[in-house]
Amino acid sequence: MNKAQLIRDFLQTKGNLVMPGVYDALSAKIAARAGFEVIFITGYSVSATLLGEPDFGLLTQTEMLSAAQRICSVAEAPVIVDADTGYGNAINVIRTVKELMRAGAAGMFLEDQVWPKRCGHMKGKQVIHLEEQMKKLEAALAARQGGDLYIVARTDARQALGLKEAIRRGVAFKDAGADAVFIEAPENKEEMREIARHVPGPLVANMIERGVTPLMRPEELKELGFELVVWPLGPLYASAQALQQVYAALREKGTTEEILERLISFEEFHKIVGLEEKYTLDARFRS
């Protein structure tokens, strides 16, 4: 099954796609149970959960590929991976593409920030020259020969160089053959309309709670011209909030008896991780 092509097919038949952020095998399984057609591995969340660090260029290629391998191994839905800048020059991008395809990923985001990069909604971003990024994109497109990978070309030039330059880069990326274009962190709906007027789609909208770009429903984003909608951080923030509350209650009371309604049940959790299937295998192969 060509999962990259599935993404293209979904866009043609559905008109838009909402992709939740995941960061480990468990979050990927829970997202799948919710019925999402495509899921997104967010570098912000992997950095937070794996390293306990912000999305500030600390996550390495090896760590992100390892996360992709674990998640793709349990996900039936196509998985798009946040591959940051490709972790170096064009040669590093080639390796990143080939390793992601080997891991079973369906797609990747490739951005034009100066490394070490930072979250697209943080201040102080810088971007490399367009000519250099075009070579990296060209390398990514060439590296998928013999396979397929849905390549989303991202620019962070809106903050660093202005909307006009971001649009120029988006057009160049699409002309070069990118499957989709992601202009990060437009500040309002008018900027998004301006992007859609000039940059061929599909276009990506990044919905970060309390981020730079206003939150909108998929229908409104589609009207603005954005067909791929990624919600990368809501699940992480919800998890962090739940952990804070449970740890605080446990520290104060010494028990979770008073907050049982906030916790998934023993049995329901085992459904998520597939305990019954393991019992079946154990019975089949036990000596």
Protein backbone atom coordinates (compact mmCIF):
# COMPACT_ATOMS: atom_id res chain seq x y z
CA MET A 1 0.00 0.00 0.00
CA ASN A 2 1.37 3.40 -1.02
CA LYS A 3 0.54 5.51 2.01
CA ALA A 4 1.89 8.71 0.45
CA GLN A 5 -0.61 8.28 -2.36
CA LEU A 6 -3.34 7.65 0.20
CA ILE A 7 -2.77 11.17 1.50
CA ARG A 8 -3.19 12.58 -2.01
CA ASP A 9 -6.33 10.47 -2.48
CA PHE A 10 -7.79 11.60 0.85
CA LEU A 11 -7.33 15.23 -0.15
CA GLN A 12 -9.06 14.65 -3.46
CA THR A 13 -12.03 12.84 -1.94
CA LYS A 14 -12.41 14.66 1.41
CA GLY A 15 -11.21 18.11 0.42
CA ASN A 16 -9.27 18.58 3.64
CA LEU A 17 -7.51 16.56 6.31
CA VAL A 18 -7.17 17.18 10.03
CA MET A 19 -3.98 15.61 11.41
CA PRO A 20 -3.46 15.27 15.17
CA GLY A 21 -0.02 15.45 16.71
CA VAL A 22 1.40 12.25 18.19
CA TYR A 23 4.72 11.64 19.91
CA ASP A 24 4.94 7.97 20.86
CA ALA A 25 3.37 4.61 20.07
CA LEU A 26 0.65 5.02 22.73
CA SER A 27 -0.52 8.43 21.49
CA ALA A 28 -0.51 7.05 17.94
CA LYS A 29 -2.74 4.15 18.96
CA ILE A 30 -5.17 6.47 20.74
CA ALA A 31 -5.31 8.80 17.71
CA ALA A 32 -6.03 5.81 15.49
CA ARG A 33 -8.93 4.75 17.74
CA ALA A 34 -10.37 8.25 17.26
CA GLY A 35 -10.52 7.58 13.52
CA PHE A 36 -7.99 9.99 12.02
CA GLU A 37 -6.99 9.18 8.45
CA VAL A 38 -3.47 10.65 8.79
CA ILE A 39 -1.37 11.37 11.89
CA PHE A 40 1.58 13.69 12.42
CA ILE A 41 4.71 13.14 14.53
CA THR A 42 5.53 16.50 16.03
CA GLY A 43 9.13 17.35 16.85
CA TYR A 44 7.97 19.75 19.57
CA SER A 45 6.21 16.92 21.40
CA VAL A 46 8.95 14.34 20.85
CA SER A 47 11.52 16.79 22.22
CA ALA A 48 9.32 17.43 25.25
CA THR A 49 8.48 13.79 26.01
CA LEU A 50 11.80 12.18 25.08
CA LEU A 51 14.19 14.84 26.36
CA GLY A 52 12.09 17.03 28.62
CA GLU A 53 13.36 19.94 26.55
CA PRO A 54 11.77 22.66 24.38
CA ASP A 55 11.63 22.55 20.60
CA PHE A 56 14.91 24.44 20.29
CA GLY A 57 17.02 22.36 17.92
CA LEU A 58 18.05 19.83 20.57
CA LEU A 59 16.35 16.79 19.03
CA THR A 60 18.69 14.86 16.72
CA GLN A 61 18.05 13.04 13.47
CA THR A 62 18.66 9.70 15.18
CA GLU A 63 16.16 10.42 17.96
CA MET A 64 13.46 11.52 15.54
CA LEU A 65 14.00 8.55 13.25
CA SER A 66 13.78 6.23 16.25
CA ALA A 67 10.46 7.79 17.25
CA ALA A 68 9.21 7.43 13.67
CA GLN A 69 10.17 3.75 13.59
CA ARG A 70 8.27 3.00 16.80
CA ILE A 71 5.19 4.94 15.79
CA CYS A 72 5.04 3.69 12.18
CA SER A 73 5.33 0.11 13.45
CA VAL A 74 1.97 0.40 15.26
CA ALA A 75 0.14 2.85 12.98
CA GLU A 76 -2.00 1.61 10.12
CA ALA A 77 -2.83 5.16 9.04
CA PRO A 78 -0.30 7.17 7.03
CA VAL A 79 2.22 8.96 9.25
CA ILE A 80 3.76 12.32 8.36
CA VAL A 81 6.97 13.12 10.26
CA ASP A 82 8.26 16.52 11.30
CA ALA A 83 11.79 16.23 9.90
CA ASP A 84 12.79 19.77 10.86
CA THR A 85 15.51 21.02 8.49
CA GLY A 86 16.54 17.53 7.41
CA TYR A 87 19.28 17.75 10.08
CA GLY A 88 21.99 19.34 7.96
CA ASN A 89 22.75 19.96 4.32
CA ALA A 90 21.33 18.29 1.22
CA ILE A 91 23.29 15.10 1.89
CA ASN A 92 21.75 14.83 5.35
CA VAL A 93 18.33 15.44 3.82
CA ILE A 94 18.84 12.50 1.46
CA ARG A 95 19.64 10.22 4.38
CA THR A 96 16.64 11.52 6.33
CA VAL A 97 14.29 10.81 3.42
CA LYS A 98 15.62 7.30 2.85
CA GLU A 99 15.51 6.43 6.55
CA LEU A 100 11.95 7.73 6.89
CA MET A 101 10.81 5.63 3.95
CA ARG A 102 12.57 2.62 5.46
CA ALA A 103 10.74 3.28 8.74
CA GLY A 104 7.40 3.23 6.93
CA ALA A 105 6.60 6.95 7.04
CA ALA A 106 4.18 8.31 4.46
CA GLY A 107 5.44 11.87 4.46
CA MET A 108 7.65 14.53 5.98
CA PHE A 109 7.84 18.26 6.68
CA LEU A 110 11.07 19.92 5.52
CA GLU A 111 11.72 23.49 6.65
CA ASP A 112 14.12 26.30 5.81
CA GLN A 113 15.22 27.45 9.26
CA VAL A 114 18.84 27.92 10.23
CA TRP A 115 19.95 24.99 12.39
CA PRO A 116 19.55 24.73 15.33
CA LYS A 117 15.93 25.52 14.62
CA ARG A 118 13.13 26.35 17.04
CA CYS A 119 9.36 25.99 17.18
CA GLY A 120 7.69 27.98 14.43
CA HIS A 121 5.70 30.05 16.93
CA MET A 122 8.74 31.05 19.00
CA LYS A 123 10.61 34.31 18.53
CA GLY A 124 14.07 34.71 17.04
CA LYS A 125 13.81 32.39 14.02
CA GLN A 126 16.22 32.67 11.10
CA VAL A 127 16.02 31.07 7.65
CA ILE A 128 18.69 29.99 5.19
CA HIS A 129 18.99 31.47 1.70
CA LEU A 130 16.29 30.33 -0.69
CA GLU A 131 18.86 28.92 -3.12
CA GLU A 132 20.25 26.63 -0.44
CA GLN A 133 16.79 25.46 0.61
CA MET A 134 15.87 24.74 -3.00
CA LYS A 135 18.86 22.40 -3.24
CA LYS A 136 17.74 20.63 -0.07
CA LEU A 137 14.22 20.28 -1.43
CA GLU A 138 15.57 19.03 -4.75
CA ALA A 139 17.63 16.45 -2.85
CA ALA A 140 14.56 15.32 -0.89
CA LEU A 141 12.49 14.89 -4.04
CA ALA A 142 15.28 12.94 -5.74
CA ALA A 143 15.88 10.71 -2.71
CA ARG A 144 12.38 9.24 -2.80
CA GLN A 145 13.01 7.57 -6.18
CA GLY A 146 12.15 3.90 -5.94
CA GLY A 147 9.56 4.70 -3.31
CA ASP A 148 7.23 7.51 -2.37
CA LEU A 149 7.04 10.12 0.35
CA TYR A 150 4.59 13.00 0.68
CA ILE A 151 6.89 16.00 0.99
CA VAL A 152 5.59 19.15 2.63
CA ALA A 153 7.92 22.10 2.04
CA ARG A 154 7.79 24.55 4.93
CA THR A 155 9.08 28.09 5.22
CA ASP A 156 9.51 30.12 8.40
CA ALA A 157 10.29 33.28 6.45
CA ARG A 158 7.08 35.06 7.55
CA GLN A 159 8.64 36.06 10.87
CA ALA A 160 12.22 36.35 9.70
CA LEU A 161 11.82 38.16 6.35
CA GLY A 162 8.16 39.07 5.95
CA LEU A 163 5.06 37.71 4.27
CA LYS A 164 6.11 38.64 0.73
CA GLU A 165 9.30 36.57 0.98
CA ALA A 166 7.41 33.69 2.59
CA ILE A 167 4.99 33.67 -0.34
CA ARG A 168 7.88 33.81 -2.82
CA ARG A 169 9.40 30.77 -1.18
CA GLY A 170 6.11 28.91 -1.11
CA VAL A 171 5.64 29.42 -4.85
CA ALA A 172 9.21 28.26 -5.52
CA PHE A 173 8.72 25.13 -3.41
CA LYS A 174 5.55 24.18 -5.26
CA ASP A 175 7.14 24.87 -8.65
CA ALA A 176 10.00 22.55 -7.67
CA GLY A 177 7.59 19.65 -7.07
CA ALA A 178 6.69 19.71 -3.37
CA ASP A 179 3.44 17.87 -2.66
CA ALA A 180 2.21 20.62 -0.33
CA VAL A 181 3.40 23.97 1.03
CA PHE A 182 3.43 25.12 4.63
CA ILE A 183 3.98 28.82 5.36
CA GLU A 184 4.39 28.86 9.11
CA ALA A 185 2.85 31.34 11.52
CA PRO A 186 0.70 33.77 9.51
CA GLU A 187 -0.68 36.24 12.01
CA ASN A 188 -4.26 36.69 10.83
CA LYS A 189 -6.87 35.59 8.32
CA GLU A 190 -5.97 38.27 5.80
CA GLU A 191 -2.40 36.98 5.65
CA MET A 192 -3.77 33.49 5.10
CA ARG A 193 -5.97 34.74 2.28
CA GLU A 194 -2.95 36.42 0.72
CA ILE A 195 -0.98 33.17 0.93
CA ALA A 196 -3.78 31.22 -0.71
CA ARG A 197 -4.13 33.81 -3.48
CA HIS A 198 -0.54 33.33 -4.57
CA VAL A 199 0.70 29.90 -3.48
CA PRO A 200 -0.69 26.78 -5.21
CA GLY A 201 -2.07 24.14 -2.84
CA PRO A 202 -2.44 21.97 -1.02
CA LEU A 203 -1.58 24.39 1.78
CA VAL A 204 -0.94 23.50 5.43
CA ALA A 205 -2.42 25.38 8.40
CA ASN A 206 -0.81 24.89 11.79
CA MET A 207 -3.27 25.21 14.66
CA ILE A 208 -1.41 25.78 17.92
CA GLU A 209 -3.47 26.69 20.94
CA ARG A 210 -2.56 30.28 21.98
CA GLY A 211 0.00 30.44 19.18
CA VAL A 212 0.59 33.11 16.54
CA THR A 213 -2.06 31.95 14.06
CA PRO A 214 -5.73 32.21 15.14
CA LEU A 215 -7.52 28.93 15.74
CA MET A 216 -10.15 28.05 13.15
CA ARG A 217 -12.39 25.16 12.25
CA PRO A 218 -11.54 22.97 9.24
CA GLU A 219 -14.45 24.37 7.22
CA GLU A 220 -13.23 27.93 7.66
CA LEU A 221 -9.66 26.97 6.83
CA LYS A 222 -10.84 25.24 3.69
CA GLU A 223 -12.67 28.39 2.64
CA LEU A 224 -9.45 30.31 3.15
CA GLY A 225 -7.65 27.79 0.91
CA PHE A 226 -5.97 25.50 3.46
CA GLU A 227 -6.62 21.80 2.99
CA LEU A 228 -4.15 20.17 5.39
CA VAL A 229 -4.73 21.10 9.02
CA VAL A 230 -2.29 19.98 11.69
CA TRP A 231 -3.15 20.20 15.40
CA PRO A 232 0.25 19.22 16.79
CA LEU A 233 0.23 20.23 20.45
CA GLY A 234 -3.27 19.91 21.91
CA PRO A 235 -2.78 16.24 22.85
CA LEU A 236 0.59 16.99 24.47
CA TYR A 237 -0.80 19.93 26.44
CA ALA A 238 -3.77 17.85 27.59
CA SER A 239 -1.43 15.07 28.71
CA ALA A 240 0.81 17.50 30.58
CA GLN A 241 -2.20 19.05 32.32
CA ALA A 242 -3.52 15.64 33.33
CA LEU A 243 -0.11 14.59 34.69
CA GLN A 244 0.17 17.77 36.73
CA GLN A 245 -3.26 17.22 38.26
CA VAL A 246 -2.76 13.53 39.05
CA TYR A 247 0.71 14.01 40.54
CA ALA A 248 -0.52 16.95 42.63
CA ALA A 249 -3.48 14.96 43.95
CA LEU A 250 -1.32 11.93 44.70
CA ARG A 251 1.26 14.08 46.51
CA GLU A 252 -1.39 15.83 48.57
CA LYS A 253 -3.65 12.88 49.38
CA GLY A 254 -1.32 9.92 49.02
CA THR A 255 -4.00 8.18 46.92
CA THR A 256 -5.91 8.57 43.65
CA GLU A 257 -9.23 7.44 45.13
CA GLU A 258 -10.78 10.91 44.82
CA ILE A 259 -9.84 11.36 41.15
CA LEU A 260 -10.70 7.96 39.69
CA GLU A 261 -13.18 9.57 37.28
CA ARG A 262 -10.25 11.36 35.61
CA LEU A 263 -8.41 8.10 34.92
CA ILE A 264 -8.96 5.62 32.13
CA SER A 265 -9.88 2.24 33.53
CA PHE A 266 -7.55 -0.73 33.83
CA GLU A 267 -9.66 -2.64 31.29
CA GLU A 268 -10.03 0.19 28.79
CA PHE A 269 -6.31 0.88 28.79
CA HIS A 270 -5.63 -2.76 27.99
CA LYS A 271 -7.92 -2.47 24.99
CA ILE A 272 -5.80 0.37 23.67
CA VAL A 273 -2.51 -1.50 24.00
CA GLY A 274 -3.96 -4.80 22.74
CA LEU A 275 -3.67 -7.09 25.74
CA GLU A 276 -6.25 -9.59 24.45
CA GLU A 277 -4.22 -10.14 21.29
CA LYS A 278 -1.21 -10.95 23.44
CA TYR A 279 -3.23 -13.41 25.49
CA THR A 280 -4.27 -15.10 22.24
CA LEU A 281 -0.68 -15.32 21.01
CA ASP A 282 0.50 -16.54 24.38
CA ALA A 283 -2.08 -19.35 24.38
CA ARG A 284 -1.22 -20.31 20.81
CA PHE A 285 2.54 -20.57 21.26
CA ARG A 286 2.87 -21.59 24.89
CA SER A 287 4.79 -24.84 25.28
